[in-house]
Amino acid sequence: MVKINDILCVPKSDKKKRFLIGEKGSRELLAIGVNPSSANEYKLDPTSKNIKAIAKKYNCDGWWIINLYPIKTSKPKDLPKRINHMLASQNLDMIYSIIANDNYNFKKILCCWGNHISTRYYLRPQANKITSMLQQIDAKIYCLGLTALGNPIHPSPLAINTIFKGIKNVDLKNFN
């Protein structure tokens, strides 16, 4: 069971956006999704629970989730059709600030945005900017595997159970 005080969320108590969620550790996994769903500082959603379990499986005692775009929705097709440049810029600034911050101890990066990256025109350029930033840190970049369209598999419960038959069978693969 996660203690409420252990989950950090930026910003706190915001129902519309989230830039970062996770738990501090000495060895941390950084996951990159498409957009945040319902997880917050009080309760994890199924995908964030899977990220936490993957981190633990790979000897990371901390985990963080960032996203290509910070608008909260459980359905990426509900993301705005047009990019909010200010919000996208704030998201990139937040990501850069954590990558450049020595208080984070990223040992593994997990790209996991799935095919929903094709839902909106602005998501792939955001992914390119973020993965370019990640070259600055000394951490290996992984995925769970690739979809038929060549995108990194999303760690939803459906994917974890259908493709891998459970979290225990998940293997990280190099992602370039």
N, C-alpha and C. Protein backbone atom coordinates (compact mmCIF):
# COMPACT_ATOMS: atom_id res chain seq x y z
N MET A 1 0.84 -1.19 0.00
CA MET A 1 0.00 0.00 0.00
C MET A 1 0.88 1.25 0.00
N VAL A 2 0.55 2.17 -0.84
CA VAL A 2 1.30 3.42 -0.94
C VAL A 2 0.84 4.36 0.16
N LYS A 3 1.79 4.93 0.86
CA LYS A 3 1.45 5.97 1.83
C LYS A 3 1.23 7.26 1.07
N ILE A 4 0.18 7.98 1.40
CA ILE A 4 -0.16 9.21 0.69
C ILE A 4 1.01 10.17 0.67
N ASN A 5 1.74 10.28 1.75
CA ASN A 5 2.84 11.24 1.82
C ASN A 5 4.00 10.88 0.89
N ASP A 6 4.04 9.63 0.42
CA ASP A 6 5.13 9.20 -0.45
C ASP A 6 4.95 9.66 -1.89
N ILE A 7 3.72 9.88 -2.32
CA ILE A 7 3.46 10.27 -3.71
C ILE A 7 3.61 11.77 -3.86
N LEU A 8 4.46 12.17 -4.79
CA LEU A 8 4.64 13.58 -5.10
C LEU A 8 3.98 13.87 -6.44
N CYS A 9 3.27 14.97 -6.51
CA CYS A 9 2.53 15.32 -7.71
C CYS A 9 2.70 16.81 -7.98
N VAL A 10 2.99 17.16 -9.24
CA VAL A 10 3.15 18.56 -9.63
C VAL A 10 2.25 18.84 -10.82
N PRO A 11 1.33 19.80 -10.69
CA PRO A 11 0.96 20.50 -9.46
C PRO A 11 0.06 19.63 -8.59
N LYS A 12 -0.03 20.00 -7.33
CA LYS A 12 -0.90 19.28 -6.40
C LYS A 12 -2.35 19.70 -6.63
N SER A 13 -3.24 18.77 -6.39
CA SER A 13 -4.69 19.02 -6.39
C SER A 13 -5.19 19.75 -7.63
N ASP A 14 -4.64 19.42 -8.78
CA ASP A 14 -5.08 20.03 -10.03
C ASP A 14 -5.83 18.98 -10.84
N LYS A 15 -7.09 19.23 -11.14
CA LYS A 15 -7.91 18.26 -11.85
C LYS A 15 -7.74 18.32 -13.36
N LYS A 16 -7.05 19.35 -13.85
CA LYS A 16 -6.95 19.54 -15.30
C LYS A 16 -5.59 19.18 -15.89
N LYS A 17 -4.54 19.29 -15.11
CA LYS A 17 -3.21 19.01 -15.66
C LYS A 17 -2.31 18.37 -14.61
N ARG A 18 -1.27 17.69 -15.13
CA ARG A 18 -0.24 17.14 -14.25
C ARG A 18 1.06 17.07 -15.06
N PHE A 19 2.11 17.60 -14.47
CA PHE A 19 3.42 17.57 -15.11
C PHE A 19 4.26 16.39 -14.64
N LEU A 20 4.09 15.98 -13.39
CA LEU A 20 4.96 14.98 -12.80
C LEU A 20 4.24 14.29 -11.65
N ILE A 21 4.44 12.98 -11.56
CA ILE A 21 3.96 12.23 -10.40
C ILE A 21 4.97 11.11 -10.14
N GLY A 22 5.14 10.75 -8.88
CA GLY A 22 6.02 9.64 -8.57
C GLY A 22 6.44 9.59 -7.13
N GLU A 23 7.44 8.77 -6.90
CA GLU A 23 8.00 8.58 -5.56
C GLU A 23 9.52 8.62 -5.65
N LYS A 24 10.12 9.34 -4.73
CA LYS A 24 11.57 9.52 -4.66
C LYS A 24 12.25 8.21 -4.28
N GLY A 25 13.43 8.00 -4.82
CA GLY A 25 14.23 6.84 -4.47
C GLY A 25 15.70 7.12 -4.74
N SER A 26 16.54 6.16 -4.44
CA SER A 26 17.97 6.33 -4.73
C SER A 26 18.30 5.82 -6.13
N ARG A 27 17.44 4.97 -6.67
CA ARG A 27 17.53 4.48 -8.06
C ARG A 27 16.13 4.63 -8.64
N GLU A 28 15.99 5.51 -9.63
CA GLU A 28 14.65 5.85 -10.10
C GLU A 28 14.42 5.49 -11.57
N LEU A 29 13.19 5.09 -11.85
CA LEU A 29 12.70 4.86 -13.20
C LEU A 29 11.91 6.09 -13.61
N LEU A 30 12.15 6.59 -14.80
CA LEU A 30 11.39 7.71 -15.35
C LEU A 30 10.59 7.18 -16.53
N ALA A 31 9.27 7.22 -16.44
CA ALA A 31 8.39 6.75 -17.51
C ALA A 31 7.81 7.95 -18.26
N ILE A 32 7.70 7.80 -19.57
CA ILE A 32 7.15 8.87 -20.41
C ILE A 32 5.91 8.35 -21.10
N GLY A 33 4.75 8.88 -20.68
CA GLY A 33 3.49 8.50 -21.29
C GLY A 33 2.99 9.58 -22.23
N VAL A 34 1.78 9.39 -22.75
CA VAL A 34 1.17 10.38 -23.65
C VAL A 34 0.62 11.55 -22.86
N ASN A 35 -0.28 11.23 -21.93
CA ASN A 35 -0.92 12.27 -21.12
C ASN A 35 -1.35 11.65 -19.80
N PRO A 36 -1.50 12.48 -18.76
CA PRO A 36 -1.91 11.94 -17.46
C PRO A 36 -3.38 11.52 -17.46
N SER A 37 -3.68 10.54 -16.65
CA SER A 37 -5.06 10.11 -16.46
C SER A 37 -5.53 10.60 -15.09
N SER A 38 -5.92 9.70 -14.22
CA SER A 38 -6.54 10.13 -12.96
C SER A 38 -5.62 10.10 -11.74
N ALA A 39 -4.42 9.58 -11.86
CA ALA A 39 -3.53 9.48 -10.69
C ALA A 39 -3.22 10.87 -10.14
N ASN A 40 -3.15 10.92 -8.81
CA ASN A 40 -2.79 12.18 -8.14
C ASN A 40 -2.03 11.85 -6.87
N GLU A 41 -1.77 12.86 -6.05
CA GLU A 41 -0.98 12.64 -4.84
C GLU A 41 -1.70 11.79 -3.80
N TYR A 42 -2.98 11.53 -4.01
CA TYR A 42 -3.76 10.74 -3.05
C TYR A 42 -4.02 9.31 -3.51
N LYS A 43 -4.02 9.10 -4.84
CA LYS A 43 -4.39 7.78 -5.34
C LYS A 43 -3.76 7.53 -6.71
N LEU A 44 -3.17 6.35 -6.85
CA LEU A 44 -2.61 5.96 -8.14
C LEU A 44 -3.70 5.34 -9.01
N ASP A 45 -3.56 5.51 -10.32
CA ASP A 45 -4.46 4.83 -11.25
C ASP A 45 -3.80 3.53 -11.69
N PRO A 46 -4.50 2.67 -12.45
CA PRO A 46 -3.92 1.38 -12.83
C PRO A 46 -2.59 1.48 -13.59
N THR A 47 -2.47 2.45 -14.49
CA THR A 47 -1.22 2.58 -15.24
C THR A 47 -0.06 2.99 -14.34
N SER A 48 -0.28 3.95 -13.44
CA SER A 48 0.80 4.36 -12.54
C SER A 48 1.16 3.22 -11.57
N LYS A 49 0.20 2.40 -11.20
CA LYS A 49 0.52 1.22 -10.38
C LYS A 49 1.42 0.26 -11.15
N ASN A 50 1.15 0.11 -12.45
CA ASN A 50 2.00 -0.75 -13.27
C ASN A 50 3.41 -0.19 -13.40
N ILE A 51 3.53 1.13 -13.56
CA ILE A 51 4.85 1.76 -13.63
C ILE A 51 5.61 1.51 -12.33
N LYS A 52 4.94 1.67 -11.22
CA LYS A 52 5.57 1.42 -9.91
C LYS A 52 6.05 -0.03 -9.81
N ALA A 53 5.22 -0.97 -10.27
CA ALA A 53 5.58 -2.39 -10.22
C ALA A 53 6.76 -2.70 -11.15
N ILE A 54 6.79 -2.08 -12.32
CA ILE A 54 7.91 -2.28 -13.25
C ILE A 54 9.19 -1.72 -12.64
N ALA A 55 9.10 -0.56 -12.02
CA ALA A 55 10.28 0.02 -11.35
C ALA A 55 10.82 -0.95 -10.30
N LYS A 56 9.93 -1.47 -9.49
CA LYS A 56 10.35 -2.40 -8.43
C LYS A 56 10.99 -3.65 -9.03
N LYS A 57 10.38 -4.18 -10.09
CA LYS A 57 10.92 -5.39 -10.74
C LYS A 57 12.35 -5.16 -11.23
N TYR A 58 12.64 -3.95 -11.65
CA TYR A 58 13.96 -3.63 -12.19
C TYR A 58 14.84 -2.88 -11.19
N ASN A 59 14.63 -3.17 -9.91
CA ASN A 59 15.49 -2.68 -8.82
C ASN A 59 15.56 -1.17 -8.71
N CYS A 60 14.48 -0.51 -9.06
CA CYS A 60 14.37 0.93 -8.85
C CYS A 60 13.44 1.15 -7.67
N ASP A 61 13.92 1.86 -6.66
CA ASP A 61 13.10 2.10 -5.47
C ASP A 61 12.31 3.41 -5.58
N GLY A 62 12.43 4.09 -6.69
CA GLY A 62 11.66 5.29 -6.95
C GLY A 62 11.19 5.27 -8.39
N TRP A 63 10.16 6.02 -8.67
CA TRP A 63 9.62 6.07 -10.04
C TRP A 63 8.96 7.42 -10.26
N TRP A 64 8.96 7.85 -11.51
CA TRP A 64 8.34 9.12 -11.89
C TRP A 64 7.66 8.94 -13.23
N ILE A 65 6.58 9.65 -13.43
CA ILE A 65 5.91 9.67 -14.73
C ILE A 65 5.82 11.12 -15.21
N ILE A 66 6.29 11.32 -16.44
CA ILE A 66 6.08 12.58 -17.15
C ILE A 66 5.28 12.22 -18.40
N ASN A 67 4.80 13.22 -19.09
CA ASN A 67 3.97 12.95 -20.26
C ASN A 67 4.31 13.89 -21.40
N LEU A 68 3.95 13.47 -22.60
CA LEU A 68 4.17 14.30 -23.78
C LEU A 68 3.35 15.58 -23.70
N TYR A 69 2.18 15.48 -23.09
CA TYR A 69 1.30 16.64 -22.95
C TYR A 69 0.61 16.53 -21.59
N PRO A 70 0.49 17.61 -20.82
CA PRO A 70 0.08 17.50 -19.42
C PRO A 70 -1.43 17.54 -19.13
N ILE A 71 -2.29 17.59 -20.14
CA ILE A 71 -3.73 17.64 -19.89
C ILE A 71 -4.22 16.28 -19.41
N LYS A 72 -4.97 16.26 -18.30
CA LYS A 72 -5.51 15.02 -17.74
C LYS A 72 -6.76 14.59 -18.51
N THR A 73 -6.75 13.36 -18.98
CA THR A 73 -7.93 12.72 -19.54
C THR A 73 -7.63 11.22 -19.62
N SER A 74 -8.64 10.41 -19.39
CA SER A 74 -8.43 8.97 -19.48
C SER A 74 -8.48 8.50 -20.93
N LYS A 75 -8.88 9.39 -21.84
CA LYS A 75 -8.96 9.04 -23.26
C LYS A 75 -8.15 10.06 -24.07
N PRO A 76 -7.00 9.66 -24.58
CA PRO A 76 -6.18 10.61 -25.36
C PRO A 76 -6.92 11.25 -26.53
N LYS A 77 -7.94 10.58 -27.06
CA LYS A 77 -8.71 11.20 -28.15
C LYS A 77 -9.46 12.44 -27.68
N ASP A 78 -9.57 12.61 -26.37
CA ASP A 78 -10.22 13.80 -25.82
C ASP A 78 -9.24 14.95 -25.58
N LEU A 79 -7.97 14.76 -25.91
CA LEU A 79 -7.02 15.87 -25.81
C LEU A 79 -7.44 16.96 -26.79
N PRO A 80 -7.10 18.21 -26.49
CA PRO A 80 -7.49 19.29 -27.40
C PRO A 80 -6.92 19.08 -28.80
N LYS A 81 -7.68 19.47 -29.80
CA LYS A 81 -7.23 19.32 -31.18
C LYS A 81 -6.07 20.25 -31.50
N ARG A 82 -6.03 21.38 -30.82
CA ARG A 82 -4.95 22.35 -31.03
C ARG A 82 -4.11 22.42 -29.76
N ILE A 83 -2.82 22.54 -29.97
CA ILE A 83 -1.89 22.60 -28.85
C ILE A 83 -2.01 23.94 -28.12
N ASN A 84 -1.92 23.88 -26.81
CA ASN A 84 -1.78 25.09 -26.00
C ASN A 84 -0.27 25.27 -25.83
N HIS A 85 0.30 26.19 -26.59
CA HIS A 85 1.76 26.35 -26.62
C HIS A 85 2.34 26.69 -25.25
N MET A 86 1.63 27.50 -24.48
CA MET A 86 2.13 27.87 -23.16
C MET A 86 2.20 26.63 -22.25
N LEU A 87 1.16 25.82 -22.27
CA LEU A 87 1.12 24.61 -21.45
C LEU A 87 2.18 23.60 -21.91
N ALA A 88 2.33 23.45 -23.21
CA ALA A 88 3.35 22.54 -23.74
C ALA A 88 4.74 23.01 -23.34
N SER A 89 4.96 24.31 -23.39
CA SER A 89 6.25 24.88 -22.99
C SER A 89 6.51 24.68 -21.49
N GLN A 90 5.48 24.87 -20.68
CA GLN A 90 5.61 24.63 -19.23
C GLN A 90 5.97 23.17 -18.97
N ASN A 91 5.36 22.26 -19.72
CA ASN A 91 5.64 20.84 -19.57
C ASN A 91 7.11 20.54 -19.90
N LEU A 92 7.58 21.07 -21.02
CA LEU A 92 8.98 20.86 -21.40
C LEU A 92 9.93 21.49 -20.39
N ASP A 93 9.58 22.67 -19.88
CA ASP A 93 10.42 23.32 -18.86
C ASP A 93 10.51 22.46 -17.60
N MET A 94 9.38 21.87 -17.19
CA MET A 94 9.37 21.01 -16.00
C MET A 94 10.24 19.78 -16.25
N ILE A 95 10.10 19.18 -17.42
CA ILE A 95 10.89 18.00 -17.74
C ILE A 95 12.38 18.34 -17.75
N TYR A 96 12.73 19.44 -18.38
CA TYR A 96 14.14 19.85 -18.40
C TYR A 96 14.65 20.09 -16.98
N SER A 97 13.83 20.70 -16.14
CA SER A 97 14.27 21.01 -14.77
C SER A 97 14.53 19.75 -13.96
N ILE A 98 13.75 18.69 -14.17
CA ILE A 98 14.02 17.47 -13.41
C ILE A 98 15.20 16.70 -13.99
N ILE A 99 15.35 16.75 -15.30
CA ILE A 99 16.49 16.07 -15.92
C ILE A 99 17.81 16.73 -15.49
N ALA A 100 17.79 18.04 -15.37
CA ALA A 100 19.00 18.79 -14.99
C ALA A 100 19.25 18.81 -13.49
N ASN A 101 18.33 18.28 -12.69
CA ASN A 101 18.41 18.35 -11.24
C ASN A 101 19.10 17.11 -10.67
N ASP A 102 20.19 17.30 -9.96
CA ASP A 102 20.94 16.18 -9.38
C ASP A 102 20.19 15.47 -8.26
N ASN A 103 19.07 16.01 -7.80
CA ASN A 103 18.29 15.34 -6.75
C ASN A 103 17.51 14.14 -7.29
N TYR A 104 17.39 14.05 -8.61
CA TYR A 104 16.75 12.88 -9.22
C TYR A 104 17.85 11.90 -9.60
N ASN A 105 17.55 10.62 -9.46
CA ASN A 105 18.54 9.57 -9.70
C ASN A 105 18.02 8.59 -10.75
N PHE A 106 17.81 9.07 -11.96
CA PHE A 106 17.26 8.23 -13.01
C PHE A 106 18.28 7.20 -13.46
N LYS A 107 17.93 5.94 -13.34
CA LYS A 107 18.78 4.85 -13.80
C LYS A 107 18.21 4.21 -15.06
N LYS A 108 16.91 4.31 -15.21
CA LYS A 108 16.25 3.75 -16.38
C LYS A 108 15.17 4.73 -16.85
N ILE A 109 15.05 4.85 -18.17
CA ILE A 109 14.01 5.66 -18.79
C ILE A 109 13.11 4.69 -19.53
N LEU A 110 11.81 4.80 -19.34
CA LEU A 110 10.85 3.92 -20.01
C LEU A 110 9.94 4.76 -20.91
N CYS A 111 10.14 4.64 -22.21
CA CYS A 111 9.23 5.29 -23.17
C CYS A 111 8.02 4.39 -23.31
N CYS A 112 6.82 4.95 -23.10
CA CYS A 112 5.62 4.09 -23.07
C CYS A 112 4.37 4.84 -23.50
N TRP A 113 4.45 5.60 -24.58
CA TRP A 113 3.29 6.40 -24.99
C TRP A 113 2.32 5.66 -25.90
N GLY A 114 2.70 4.53 -26.45
CA GLY A 114 1.77 3.75 -27.26
C GLY A 114 1.36 4.44 -28.55
N ASN A 115 0.36 3.86 -29.21
CA ASN A 115 -0.11 4.39 -30.49
C ASN A 115 -0.91 5.67 -30.35
N HIS A 116 -1.26 6.04 -29.14
CA HIS A 116 -2.02 7.29 -28.96
C HIS A 116 -1.20 8.52 -29.34
N ILE A 117 0.08 8.35 -29.58
CA ILE A 117 0.91 9.47 -30.02
C ILE A 117 0.39 10.02 -31.36
N SER A 118 -0.30 9.17 -32.11
CA SER A 118 -0.83 9.60 -33.41
C SER A 118 -2.18 10.31 -33.29
N THR A 119 -2.72 10.38 -32.08
CA THR A 119 -4.03 10.99 -31.86
C THR A 119 -4.04 12.48 -32.18
N ARG A 120 -2.95 13.16 -31.87
CA ARG A 120 -2.87 14.61 -32.08
C ARG A 120 -1.55 14.95 -32.76
N TYR A 121 -1.58 15.91 -33.66
CA TYR A 121 -0.41 16.29 -34.46
C TYR A 121 0.77 16.76 -33.62
N TYR A 122 0.51 17.27 -32.43
CA TYR A 122 1.57 17.87 -31.63
C TYR A 122 2.29 16.89 -30.71
N LEU A 123 1.83 15.66 -30.61
CA LEU A 123 2.42 14.72 -29.65
C LEU A 123 3.78 14.19 -30.10
N ARG A 124 3.93 13.83 -31.37
CA ARG A 124 5.22 13.29 -31.82
C ARG A 124 6.33 14.34 -31.72
N PRO A 125 6.10 15.60 -32.13
CA PRO A 125 7.16 16.59 -31.92
C PRO A 125 7.53 16.76 -30.44
N GLN A 126 6.54 16.65 -29.55
CA GLN A 126 6.83 16.72 -28.12
C GLN A 126 7.71 15.54 -27.71
N ALA A 127 7.40 14.34 -28.22
CA ALA A 127 8.21 13.16 -27.90
C ALA A 127 9.65 13.35 -28.38
N ASN A 128 9.80 13.90 -29.57
CA ASN A 128 11.15 14.13 -30.11
C ASN A 128 11.94 15.11 -29.24
N LYS A 129 11.28 16.17 -28.78
CA LYS A 129 11.96 17.15 -27.91
C LYS A 129 12.37 16.51 -26.58
N ILE A 130 11.47 15.72 -26.02
CA ILE A 130 11.75 15.09 -24.72
C ILE A 130 12.86 14.05 -24.84
N THR A 131 12.79 13.19 -25.85
CA THR A 131 13.84 12.17 -25.99
C THR A 131 15.19 12.82 -26.29
N SER A 132 15.18 13.94 -26.97
CA SER A 132 16.43 14.68 -27.21
C SER A 132 17.00 15.19 -25.89
N MET A 133 16.14 15.71 -25.01
CA MET A 133 16.59 16.17 -23.69
C MET A 133 17.21 15.04 -22.87
N LEU A 134 16.64 13.84 -23.01
CA LEU A 134 17.07 12.70 -22.20
C LEU A 134 18.49 12.24 -22.53
N GLN A 135 19.00 12.64 -23.68
CA GLN A 135 20.37 12.27 -24.05
C GLN A 135 21.39 12.87 -23.07
N GLN A 136 20.96 13.88 -22.31
CA GLN A 136 21.86 14.57 -21.37
C GLN A 136 22.17 13.75 -20.12
N ILE A 137 21.33 12.78 -19.81
CA ILE A 137 21.54 12.06 -18.56
C ILE A 137 22.07 10.66 -18.84
N ASP A 138 22.78 10.14 -17.86
CA ASP A 138 23.41 8.84 -18.00
C ASP A 138 22.44 7.75 -17.54
N ALA A 139 21.46 7.49 -18.38
CA ALA A 139 20.49 6.45 -18.07
C ALA A 139 20.11 5.76 -19.38
N LYS A 140 19.87 4.48 -19.31
CA LYS A 140 19.49 3.74 -20.51
C LYS A 140 18.01 3.98 -20.80
N ILE A 141 17.69 4.03 -22.10
CA ILE A 141 16.32 4.26 -22.53
C ILE A 141 15.73 2.94 -23.01
N TYR A 142 14.57 2.60 -22.44
CA TYR A 142 13.92 1.32 -22.71
C TYR A 142 12.48 1.52 -23.16
N CYS A 143 11.90 0.41 -23.60
CA CYS A 143 10.46 0.32 -23.83
C CYS A 143 10.04 -1.09 -23.44
N LEU A 144 8.75 -1.34 -23.43
CA LEU A 144 8.26 -2.68 -23.12
C LEU A 144 8.22 -3.55 -24.37
N GLY A 145 8.45 -2.94 -25.50
CA GLY A 145 8.33 -3.56 -26.81
C GLY A 145 7.69 -2.52 -27.72
N LEU A 146 7.53 -2.86 -28.97
CA LEU A 146 6.95 -1.92 -29.92
C LEU A 146 5.61 -2.43 -30.43
N THR A 147 4.72 -1.50 -30.68
CA THR A 147 3.43 -1.83 -31.29
C THR A 147 3.66 -2.14 -32.76
N ALA A 148 2.63 -2.60 -33.45
CA ALA A 148 2.73 -2.86 -34.89
C ALA A 148 3.07 -1.59 -35.66
N LEU A 149 2.75 -0.43 -35.09
CA LEU A 149 3.05 0.85 -35.73
C LEU A 149 4.43 1.39 -35.34
N GLY A 150 5.16 0.63 -34.52
CA GLY A 150 6.52 1.03 -34.14
C GLY A 150 6.62 1.96 -32.95
N ASN A 151 5.54 2.11 -32.21
CA ASN A 151 5.54 2.96 -31.02
C ASN A 151 5.79 2.12 -29.77
N PRO A 152 6.39 2.71 -28.73
CA PRO A 152 6.61 1.95 -27.49
C PRO A 152 5.29 1.59 -26.81
N ILE A 153 5.15 0.34 -26.42
CA ILE A 153 3.91 -0.16 -25.82
C ILE A 153 3.59 0.61 -24.54
N HIS A 154 2.30 0.93 -24.38
CA HIS A 154 1.79 1.62 -23.19
C HIS A 154 1.55 0.58 -22.09
N PRO A 155 1.86 0.89 -20.83
CA PRO A 155 1.72 -0.08 -19.74
C PRO A 155 0.33 -0.13 -19.10
N SER A 156 -0.70 -0.05 -19.92
CA SER A 156 -2.06 -0.15 -19.38
C SER A 156 -2.28 -1.57 -18.87
N PRO A 157 -3.22 -1.75 -17.96
CA PRO A 157 -3.52 -3.11 -17.50
C PRO A 157 -3.89 -4.04 -18.66
N LEU A 158 -4.62 -3.53 -19.66
CA LEU A 158 -4.99 -4.36 -20.81
C LEU A 158 -3.74 -4.86 -21.54
N ALA A 159 -2.80 -3.96 -21.82
CA ALA A 159 -1.58 -4.36 -22.52
C ALA A 159 -0.74 -5.31 -21.66
N ILE A 160 -0.57 -4.98 -20.40
CA ILE A 160 0.25 -5.83 -19.52
C ILE A 160 -0.33 -7.24 -19.44
N ASN A 161 -1.65 -7.34 -19.32
CA ASN A 161 -2.28 -8.66 -19.18
C ASN A 161 -2.42 -9.40 -20.50
N THR A 162 -2.69 -8.68 -21.59
CA THR A 162 -2.89 -9.32 -22.89
C THR A 162 -1.56 -9.69 -23.54
N ILE A 163 -0.65 -8.74 -23.61
CA ILE A 163 0.62 -8.96 -24.31
C ILE A 163 1.59 -9.78 -23.46
N PHE A 164 1.69 -9.45 -22.19
CA PHE A 164 2.72 -10.06 -21.34
C PHE A 164 2.18 -11.12 -20.37
N LYS A 165 0.88 -11.22 -20.26
CA LYS A 165 0.26 -12.17 -19.31
C LYS A 165 0.66 -11.86 -17.87
N GLY A 166 0.78 -10.58 -17.56
CA GLY A 166 1.07 -10.14 -16.20
C GLY A 166 2.39 -9.39 -16.09
N ILE A 167 2.49 -8.59 -15.04
CA ILE A 167 3.65 -7.73 -14.83
C ILE A 167 4.94 -8.53 -14.65
N LYS A 168 4.83 -9.73 -14.09
CA LYS A 168 6.03 -10.55 -13.83
C LYS A 168 6.73 -10.96 -15.12
N ASN A 169 6.01 -10.92 -16.24
CA ASN A 169 6.58 -11.32 -17.53
C ASN A 169 7.08 -10.15 -18.37
N VAL A 170 6.98 -8.95 -17.85
CA VAL A 170 7.43 -7.76 -18.59
C VAL A 170 8.96 -7.74 -18.63
N ASP A 171 9.49 -7.53 -19.82
CA ASP A 171 10.94 -7.37 -19.99
C ASP A 171 11.20 -6.04 -20.67
N LEU A 172 12.15 -5.29 -20.15
CA LEU A 172 12.51 -4.03 -20.78
C LEU A 172 13.41 -4.31 -21.98
N LYS A 173 13.15 -3.57 -23.05
CA LYS A 173 13.94 -3.70 -24.27
C LYS A 173 14.54 -2.34 -24.61
N ASN A 174 15.72 -2.34 -25.20
CA ASN A 174 16.35 -1.07 -25.59
C ASN A 174 15.45 -0.32 -26.56
N PHE A 175 15.42 1.00 -26.40
CA PHE A 175 14.63 1.87 -27.28
C PHE A 175 15.54 2.97 -27.78
N ASN A 176 15.61 3.13 -29.08
CA ASN A 176 16.47 4.18 -29.63
C ASN A 176 15.65 5.24 -30.29
